[in-house]
């Protein structure tokens, strides 16, 4: 049931990986920096991705992880 998309906010230097959940109106936002964004190029629907980051709680109604990296 997972959907995925990457949203770029180049003015802030943030790249957000949005992960769908079982609830259609809820997502988990994983914020990457310019320095850590490169593995996002390989992310596609249906791929399993492990992400590590610091939980910032709810930001704009979405659970948000900051300073994320793709875990191996």
Protein backbone atom coordinates (compact mmCIF):
# COMPACT_ATOMS: atom_id res chain seq x y z
CA UNK A 1 0.00 0.00 0.00
CA UNK A 2 3.01 2.32 0.12
CA UNK A 3 3.30 5.31 -2.14
CA UNK A 4 6.36 7.40 -2.46
CA UNK A 5 7.35 10.76 -3.88
CA UNK A 6 10.21 13.19 -3.48
CA UNK A 7 9.46 16.89 -3.10
CA UNK A 8 12.25 19.44 -3.60
CA UNK A 9 12.38 22.74 -1.76
CA UNK A 10 15.57 24.10 -3.23
CA UNK A 11 15.12 27.49 -1.58
CA UNK A 12 15.65 25.78 1.80
CA UNK A 13 17.97 23.07 0.48
CA UNK A 14 15.55 20.35 1.66
CA UNK A 15 14.44 17.25 -0.20
CA UNK A 16 11.47 15.45 1.35
CA UNK A 17 10.75 11.78 0.83
CA UNK A 18 7.02 11.36 1.48
CA UNK A 19 6.03 7.83 2.47
CA UNK A 20 2.40 6.75 2.36
CA UNK A 21 0.81 4.89 5.25
CA UNK A 22 -2.25 2.66 5.48
CA UNK A 23 -4.35 5.82 5.96
CA UNK A 24 -4.76 7.68 2.64
CA UNK A 25 -4.57 11.15 4.23
CA UNK A 26 -1.49 10.45 6.39
CA UNK A 27 2.14 10.42 5.30
CA UNK A 28 5.53 10.32 6.94
CA UNK A 29 7.84 13.07 5.70
CA UNK A 30 11.58 12.35 5.72
CA UNK A 31 13.67 15.50 5.21
CA UNK A 32 17.07 15.16 3.54
CA UNK A 33 19.66 17.88 3.02
CA UNK A 34 21.61 18.70 -0.13
CA UNK A 35 24.45 16.62 1.32
CA UNK A 36 22.38 13.48 2.02
CA UNK A 37 19.86 13.57 -0.87
CA UNK A 38 21.82 11.54 -3.44
CA UNK A 39 20.42 8.06 -2.59
CA UNK A 40 16.90 9.42 -3.24
CA UNK A 41 17.55 9.23 -6.99
CA UNK A 42 17.30 5.43 -6.76
CA UNK A 43 14.02 5.37 -4.79
CA UNK A 44 10.98 4.15 -6.73
CA UNK A 45 7.50 2.90 -5.92
CA UNK A 46 7.62 -0.64 -4.61
CA UNK A 47 11.20 -0.42 -3.31
CA UNK A 48 11.85 -1.03 0.35
CA UNK A 49 13.70 1.89 1.90
CA UNK A 50 15.13 2.20 5.39
CA UNK A 51 15.49 5.76 6.60
CA UNK A 52 17.12 7.10 9.74
CA UNK A 53 16.48 10.57 11.07
CA UNK A 54 15.56 12.62 14.09
CA UNK A 55 11.83 12.70 14.80
CA UNK A 56 10.53 16.27 14.84
CA UNK A 57 7.01 15.15 15.76
CA UNK A 58 4.11 16.47 13.72
CA UNK A 59 4.97 19.27 11.35
CA UNK A 60 2.07 20.62 9.29
CA UNK A 61 -0.01 17.57 10.28
CA UNK A 62 2.60 15.07 9.07
CA UNK A 63 4.97 12.97 11.17
CA UNK A 64 8.37 14.35 10.17
CA UNK A 65 11.92 13.04 10.40
CA UNK A 66 14.71 15.62 10.03
CA UNK A 67 18.36 15.18 9.00
CA UNK A 68 17.58 11.88 7.30
CA UNK A 69 19.88 9.39 5.66
CA UNK A 70 19.09 6.21 3.75
CA UNK A 71 20.17 3.35 6.02
CA UNK A 72 21.89 0.30 4.58
